[in-house]
Amino acid sequence: MDPLTYKEAGVSTQRAQHVIGSISQMAQKLRKIKRRDAPGGFAAILDFPNGYKNPQIVLSTDGVGTKLLLCNKVQKFDSIGIDLVAMCANDVLAVGAEPYAFLDYYATSKLDPLTSRLIFKGIVKGCKLAHMALVGGETAEMPGVYQPNDFDLAGFCVGLIEKDHVLEAKALRAGDMLIGLPSAGIHSNGFSLVRRILESRHIAYTDLYNGSARTWGQVLLKPTKIYVEEVLPWVQKQKIKAMSHITGGGMDENLSRVLPYGLKAMINMRSWRVPKIFKDLQKLGNVSTPEMFHAFNMGIGFVLICDQKNAQVILKKIAKSKVIGTLEKRSSNERQVECV
């Protein structure tokens, strides 16, 4: 019997090093942060940036769900990395923190240099949009765990916040206004339902979307919007009391996470126009309106809560933002989020 090698078992460390080298080149133009080289390069050691007096660390991790399956179906990999960064950076932003550094986890059956480069190109672009540094990650070949061409992604975001600037629910008051920021589309939640709807109607991702020049795949793979650039300055000026990233569970579950017991959010569902993609999916799948609002963002990807005075200023400065509701007093038998 000939001697066995790691490469013959399906894993090439040389191939991984080539991919990692290309990532380092792409990441050079990202945010420069104070860091020290750890012995051997096994981990990243970061210093707190100047300007913080009493910083606290904010951590978040997330993935992109079954949107990954669409990438393989359509063979489009250059934007899924943006989704990955967005899901983590928006969550960190939602507690009032500044996204600072990002790490990724990419695992597949066998590394394909072109596919890998496209995925990491998206991650680097996402970090640029979120004004973060890409400080490391893990790239793994795992034959046997993943079938050929399968892959998985996970992201890890480090954020920073001043200890006395942490957003607290006790600051919220009846009469505060809810400002909705538009989503870029479906973002990265609800794709199990999307896939089921299209399969039930025998619609391929390569089919043209309702007579347009774009395919269903192109419409569905539009990346998650990153809200850091337009929202963070207002957070740092302490003009916002609370925020919510609208992901799985929709408006109801995500707004409930930031509201105190005695308040409820009254959402005016007619205050924004639901994008066409959601209406088309609802019709094709015969999905109820409550179920649509539970599975998808329905056109609002991020919500700010602030007093009326600050709301008027923010509405003039953030493009396409609009008032979608207000906070009211809540009794014990009422829902915490009501859509009317």
Protein backbone atom coordinates (compact mmCIF):
# COMPACT_ATOMS: atom_id res chain seq x y z
CA MET A 1 0.00 0.00 0.00
CA ASP A 2 1.37 3.41 -1.02
CA PRO A 3 1.77 6.02 1.74
CA LEU A 4 -1.31 8.21 2.13
CA THR A 5 -1.16 11.99 2.23
CA TYR A 6 -3.41 14.78 3.43
CA LYS A 7 -3.79 15.94 -0.19
CA GLU A 8 -4.97 12.50 -1.31
CA ALA A 9 -7.56 12.63 1.47
CA GLY A 10 -9.02 15.72 -0.20
CA VAL A 11 -7.35 18.60 1.65
CA SER A 12 -4.68 20.87 0.15
CA THR A 13 -3.03 23.27 2.59
CA GLN A 14 -1.21 24.85 -0.37
CA ARG A 15 -4.53 25.64 -2.03
CA ALA A 16 -5.79 27.19 1.20
CA GLN A 17 -2.68 29.34 1.55
CA HIS A 18 -3.13 30.61 -2.00
CA VAL A 19 -6.71 31.66 -1.22
CA ILE A 20 -5.67 33.30 2.06
CA GLY A 21 -2.94 35.22 0.25
CA SER A 22 -5.43 36.68 -2.21
CA ILE A 23 -7.68 37.75 0.69
CA SER A 24 -4.81 39.64 2.33
CA GLN A 25 -4.21 41.59 -0.87
CA MET A 26 -7.88 42.56 -1.21
CA ALA A 27 -8.11 43.64 2.44
CA GLN A 28 -5.19 46.09 2.32
CA LYS A 29 -7.37 49.10 1.51
CA LEU A 30 -9.80 48.52 4.37
CA ARG A 31 -9.89 50.48 7.61
CA LYS A 32 -6.52 50.61 9.32
CA ILE A 33 -6.71 49.76 13.00
CA LYS A 34 -4.20 49.57 15.80
CA ARG A 35 -3.08 45.97 16.12
CA ARG A 36 -0.18 43.93 17.32
CA ASP A 37 1.07 40.85 15.55
CA ALA A 38 0.37 37.77 17.63
CA PRO A 39 3.25 35.26 17.74
CA GLY A 40 2.76 32.85 14.86
CA GLY A 41 -0.24 34.77 13.54
CA PHE A 42 -2.74 32.50 15.29
CA ALA A 43 -5.02 35.33 16.39
CA ALA A 44 -5.51 39.08 16.03
CA ILE A 45 -4.65 41.41 18.91
CA LEU A 46 -6.32 44.80 18.64
CA ASP A 47 -5.85 48.04 20.54
CA PHE A 48 -8.79 50.31 21.25
CA PRO A 49 -8.80 53.29 18.86
CA ASN A 50 -8.22 56.84 20.01
CA GLY A 51 -11.24 58.83 21.11
CA TYR A 52 -12.86 56.28 23.40
CA LYS A 53 -12.74 57.05 27.13
CA ASN A 54 -14.43 53.98 28.59
CA PRO A 55 -15.08 51.58 25.71
CA GLN A 56 -17.05 48.37 25.88
CA ILE A 57 -16.80 45.53 23.39
CA VAL A 58 -19.90 44.49 21.42
CA LEU A 59 -19.87 41.09 19.69
CA SER A 60 -22.12 39.56 17.06
CA THR A 61 -22.10 36.47 14.87
CA ASP A 62 -24.39 35.45 12.03
CA GLY A 63 -24.64 33.70 8.70
CA VAL A 64 -26.67 34.11 5.53
CA GLY A 65 -28.99 31.11 5.80
CA THR A 66 -30.19 29.24 2.75
CA LYS A 67 -29.44 32.17 0.47
CA LEU A 68 -26.21 30.21 -0.03
CA LEU A 69 -28.14 27.65 -2.08
CA LEU A 70 -29.18 30.32 -4.57
CA CYS A 71 -25.54 31.24 -5.14
CA ASN A 72 -24.81 27.70 -6.31
CA LYS A 73 -27.95 27.53 -8.41
CA VAL A 74 -27.21 30.82 -10.18
CA GLN A 75 -23.40 30.51 -10.00
CA LYS A 76 -23.14 34.04 -8.66
CA PHE A 77 -20.84 34.43 -5.67
CA ASP A 78 -19.67 38.06 -5.66
CA SER A 79 -22.32 39.54 -3.34
CA ILE A 80 -23.00 36.90 -0.69
CA GLY A 81 -20.02 38.21 1.30
CA ILE A 82 -21.74 41.59 1.55
CA ASP A 83 -24.75 39.82 3.06
CA LEU A 84 -22.49 38.13 5.59
CA VAL A 85 -20.92 41.37 6.77
CA ALA A 86 -24.28 43.18 6.76
CA MET A 87 -26.01 40.67 9.02
CA CYS A 88 -23.31 41.10 11.66
CA ALA A 89 -22.54 44.82 11.28
CA ASN A 90 -26.22 45.85 11.32
CA ASP A 91 -26.77 43.89 14.54
CA VAL A 92 -23.81 45.60 16.21
CA LEU A 93 -25.06 48.96 14.97
CA ALA A 94 -28.53 48.25 16.38
CA VAL A 95 -27.21 48.42 19.96
CA GLY A 96 -25.49 51.72 19.24
CA ALA A 97 -21.98 50.41 18.64
CA GLU A 98 -19.43 51.21 15.95
CA PRO A 99 -18.49 48.11 13.91
CA TYR A 100 -14.72 47.85 14.22
CA ALA A 101 -13.30 44.50 13.12
CA PHE A 102 -14.56 41.43 11.26
CA LEU A 103 -13.60 37.78 11.01
CA ASP A 104 -15.04 35.22 8.62
CA TYR A 105 -15.45 31.44 8.52
CA TYR A 106 -15.58 29.82 5.08
CA ALA A 107 -15.82 26.06 4.74
CA THR A 108 -16.31 23.93 1.64
CA SER A 109 -15.68 20.46 0.28
CA LYS A 110 -12.85 21.66 -1.96
CA LEU A 111 -11.56 25.19 -2.40
CA ASP A 112 -12.12 26.58 -5.86
CA PRO A 113 -9.84 29.62 -6.34
CA LEU A 114 -12.28 31.57 -8.52
CA THR A 115 -15.35 30.95 -6.36
CA SER A 116 -13.39 31.67 -3.19
CA ARG A 117 -12.01 34.91 -4.59
CA LEU A 118 -15.49 36.11 -5.55
CA ILE A 119 -16.87 35.30 -2.09
CA PHE A 120 -14.05 37.13 -0.35
CA LYS A 121 -14.36 40.03 -2.76
CA GLY A 122 -17.88 40.48 -1.38
CA ILE A 123 -16.69 40.21 2.22
CA VAL A 124 -14.05 42.89 1.62
CA LYS A 125 -16.62 45.16 -0.06
CA GLY A 126 -18.99 44.65 2.89
CA CYS A 127 -16.26 45.57 5.36
CA LYS A 128 -15.54 48.70 3.35
CA LEU A 129 -19.22 49.70 3.42
CA ALA A 130 -19.31 49.10 7.18
CA HIS A 131 -15.98 50.91 7.73
CA MET A 132 -14.49 47.83 9.37
CA ALA A 133 -11.15 46.07 9.23
CA LEU A 134 -10.95 42.44 8.17
CA VAL A 135 -8.56 41.03 10.77
CA GLY A 136 -8.68 37.30 10.15
CA GLY A 137 -10.81 34.21 9.78
CA GLU A 138 -10.82 30.53 8.93
CA THR A 139 -10.79 28.91 5.50
CA ALA A 140 -11.36 25.15 5.59
CA GLU A 141 -11.63 22.23 3.18
CA MET A 142 -13.90 19.57 4.69
CA PRO A 143 -14.59 16.74 2.21
CA GLY A 144 -17.19 14.40 3.60
CA VAL A 145 -18.86 17.10 5.65
CA TYR A 146 -19.78 19.11 2.56
CA GLN A 147 -20.84 17.69 -0.78
CA PRO A 148 -18.96 18.87 -3.90
CA ASN A 149 -19.55 22.60 -4.52
CA ASP A 150 -21.34 23.07 -1.17
CA PHE A 151 -20.03 25.72 1.18
CA ASP A 152 -20.94 27.59 4.34
CA LEU A 153 -20.22 31.07 5.64
CA ALA A 154 -20.27 32.62 9.08
CA GLY A 155 -19.23 36.06 10.24
CA PHE A 156 -18.01 37.52 13.51
CA CYS A 157 -18.11 41.25 14.19
CA VAL A 158 -16.39 43.22 16.95
CA GLY A 159 -17.93 46.59 17.79
CA LEU A 160 -17.10 49.34 20.26
CA ILE A 161 -19.30 51.63 22.32
CA GLU A 162 -18.79 54.14 25.12
CA LYS A 163 -20.08 52.66 28.34
CA ASP A 164 -22.35 55.63 29.06
CA HIS A 165 -23.70 55.67 25.49
CA VAL A 166 -25.28 52.21 25.55
CA LEU A 167 -28.87 52.45 24.34
CA GLU A 168 -31.36 51.58 27.06
CA ALA A 169 -35.07 50.82 26.80
CA LYS A 170 -35.81 53.01 29.83
CA ALA A 171 -35.07 56.08 27.69
CA LEU A 172 -38.07 55.39 25.46
CA ARG A 173 -41.30 57.36 25.96
CA ALA A 174 -44.82 57.32 24.59
CA GLY A 175 -44.89 59.68 21.62
CA ASP A 176 -41.44 58.72 20.35
CA MET A 177 -41.36 58.20 16.60
CA LEU A 178 -40.33 55.15 14.60
CA ILE A 179 -38.35 55.92 11.45
CA GLY A 180 -38.12 53.18 8.84
CA LEU A 181 -35.12 52.86 6.55
CA PRO A 182 -35.76 51.02 3.27
CA SER A 183 -34.34 47.59 2.65
CA ALA A 184 -32.52 46.69 -0.56
CA GLY A 185 -34.84 43.73 -1.10
CA ILE A 186 -35.26 40.43 0.70
CA HIS A 187 -31.85 40.72 2.39
CA SER A 188 -30.88 37.37 4.00
CA ASN A 189 -33.99 36.03 5.70
CA GLY A 190 -36.93 33.99 4.51
CA PHE A 191 -35.17 32.16 1.68
CA SER A 192 -36.47 28.74 2.69
CA LEU A 193 -39.95 30.10 2.00
CA VAL A 194 -38.77 31.82 -1.21
CA ARG A 195 -37.35 28.56 -2.51
CA ARG A 196 -40.50 26.67 -1.63
CA ILE A 197 -42.69 29.23 -3.43
CA LEU A 198 -40.65 29.12 -6.64
CA GLU A 199 -40.42 25.33 -6.58
CA SER A 200 -44.20 25.02 -6.19
CA ARG A 201 -44.64 27.16 -9.31
CA HIS A 202 -41.80 25.46 -11.25
CA ILE A 203 -39.98 28.78 -11.61
CA ALA A 204 -36.24 28.56 -12.28
CA TYR A 205 -33.82 31.14 -10.95
CA THR A 206 -32.66 31.69 -14.52
CA ASP A 207 -36.18 32.62 -15.67
CA LEU A 208 -36.78 36.31 -16.32
CA TYR A 209 -38.46 38.09 -13.46
CA ASN A 210 -41.95 39.14 -14.63
CA GLY A 211 -40.87 40.12 -18.11
CA SER A 212 -37.97 42.30 -16.96
CA ALA A 213 -34.39 42.07 -18.20
CA ARG A 214 -33.30 40.57 -14.86
CA THR A 215 -33.64 36.96 -13.78
CA TRP A 216 -35.24 35.77 -10.57
CA GLY A 217 -31.78 34.87 -9.34
CA GLN A 218 -30.44 38.38 -9.90
CA VAL A 219 -33.39 39.94 -8.09
CA LEU A 220 -33.23 37.55 -5.15
CA LEU A 221 -29.46 37.76 -4.68
CA LYS A 222 -29.41 41.53 -4.28
CA PRO A 223 -27.26 41.96 -1.14
CA THR A 224 -28.39 43.10 2.28
CA LYS A 225 -28.10 46.84 2.85
CA ILE A 226 -25.48 47.99 5.36
CA TYR A 227 -26.80 50.93 7.40
CA VAL A 228 -23.62 51.98 9.21
CA GLU A 229 -22.68 55.00 7.14
CA GLU A 230 -26.06 56.75 7.32
CA VAL A 231 -26.99 55.81 10.90
CA LEU A 232 -23.80 55.79 12.98
CA PRO A 233 -23.25 59.58 12.94
CA TRP A 234 -26.69 60.09 14.53
CA VAL A 235 -25.96 57.45 17.14
CA GLN A 236 -22.69 59.15 18.02
CA LYS A 237 -24.53 62.47 18.39
CA GLN A 238 -26.92 60.65 20.76
CA LYS A 239 -29.97 61.56 18.68
CA ILE A 240 -31.37 58.01 18.62
CA LYS A 241 -32.90 56.20 21.59
CA ALA A 242 -33.20 52.67 20.18
CA MET A 243 -32.82 50.75 16.93
CA SER A 244 -33.91 47.47 15.43
CA HIS A 245 -32.46 45.44 12.57
CA ILE A 246 -35.44 43.83 10.82
CA THR A 247 -34.44 40.24 10.09
CA GLY A 248 -36.12 36.85 10.63
CA GLY A 249 -39.33 37.30 12.62
CA GLY A 250 -40.07 40.58 10.88
CA MET A 251 -41.18 43.81 12.47
CA ASP A 252 -43.03 42.12 15.35
CA GLU A 253 -40.23 40.02 16.83
CA ASN A 254 -37.36 42.43 16.18
CA LEU A 255 -39.01 45.59 17.51
CA SER A 256 -40.22 43.71 20.59
CA ARG A 257 -36.59 43.08 21.52
CA VAL A 258 -35.91 46.78 22.20
CA LEU A 259 -39.19 47.91 23.80
CA PRO A 260 -39.81 48.15 27.56
CA TYR A 261 -42.79 46.36 29.09
CA GLY A 262 -45.07 49.41 29.33
CA LEU A 263 -44.79 50.59 25.72
CA LYS A 264 -46.01 49.30 22.37
CA ALA A 265 -45.12 50.20 18.79
CA MET A 266 -48.03 51.21 16.59
CA ILE A 267 -46.97 50.56 12.99
CA ASN A 268 -48.83 52.19 10.12
CA MET A 269 -48.57 49.59 7.36
CA ARG A 270 -49.68 52.14 4.77
CA SER A 271 -46.79 54.50 5.54
CA TRP A 272 -44.45 52.83 3.05
CA ARG A 273 -44.83 51.05 -0.26
CA VAL A 274 -44.09 47.33 -0.04
CA PRO A 275 -41.62 46.46 -2.86
CA LYS A 276 -42.95 44.47 -5.78
CA ILE A 277 -40.84 41.38 -5.10
CA PHE A 278 -42.71 40.74 -1.84
CA LYS A 279 -46.11 41.20 -3.48
CA ASP A 280 -45.17 38.81 -6.28
CA LEU A 281 -43.94 36.14 -3.87
CA GLN A 282 -47.08 36.50 -1.76
CA LYS A 283 -49.31 36.01 -4.79
CA LEU A 284 -47.34 33.10 -6.19
CA GLY A 285 -47.28 31.26 -2.86
CA ASN A 286 -50.74 32.28 -1.63
CA VAL A 287 -49.04 33.45 1.57
CA SER A 288 -51.07 35.38 4.14
CA THR A 289 -50.11 38.97 4.91
CA PRO A 290 -49.27 38.22 8.57
CA GLU A 291 -47.01 35.37 7.44
CA MET A 292 -45.25 37.65 4.93
CA PHE A 293 -44.57 40.22 7.64
CA HIS A 294 -43.27 37.44 9.89
CA ALA A 295 -40.88 35.92 7.32
CA PHE A 296 -39.62 39.04 5.52
CA ASN A 297 -38.64 42.66 6.12
CA MET A 298 -41.32 43.78 3.60
CA GLY A 299 -39.30 46.80 2.54
CA ILE A 300 -38.13 48.16 5.91
CA GLY A 301 -34.71 46.85 6.88
CA PHE A 302 -33.84 49.02 9.88
CA VAL A 303 -35.88 51.07 12.36
CA LEU A 304 -34.77 54.06 14.43
CA ILE A 305 -36.66 55.28 17.50
CA CYS A 306 -36.19 58.88 18.62
CA ASP A 307 -38.11 61.82 20.00
CA GLN A 308 -40.13 63.99 17.65
CA LYS A 309 -37.60 66.83 17.50
CA ASN A 310 -34.68 64.62 16.46
CA ALA A 311 -36.92 62.64 14.12
CA GLN A 312 -37.62 65.71 12.01
CA VAL A 313 -33.89 66.39 11.59
CA ILE A 314 -33.02 62.77 10.76
CA LEU A 315 -35.83 62.47 8.22
CA LYS A 316 -34.34 65.36 6.25
CA LYS A 317 -30.85 63.87 6.24
CA ILE A 318 -31.37 60.14 5.60
CA ALA A 319 -32.63 59.54 2.08
CA LYS A 320 -35.96 57.72 1.71
CA SER A 321 -36.44 57.44 5.47
CA LYS A 322 -40.00 57.87 6.71
CA VAL A 323 -42.09 57.78 9.84
CA ILE A 324 -43.73 54.36 10.06
CA GLY A 325 -45.24 54.57 13.55
CA THR A 326 -45.11 55.83 17.12
CA LEU A 327 -44.73 54.47 20.62
CA GLU A 328 -47.81 54.35 22.84
CA LYS A 329 -48.54 53.19 26.37
CA ARG A 330 -49.31 49.50 26.60
CA SER A 331 -51.50 47.54 28.96
CA SER A 332 -50.65 43.97 29.94
CA ASN A 333 -53.12 42.33 27.54
CA GLU A 334 -51.93 44.22 24.46
CA ARG A 335 -49.38 43.15 21.88
CA GLN A 336 -46.03 44.91 22.00
CA VAL A 337 -46.09 45.57 18.25
CA GLU A 338 -49.36 46.32 16.48
CA CYS A 339 -49.58 46.80 12.71
CA VAL A 340 -52.63 48.75 11.57
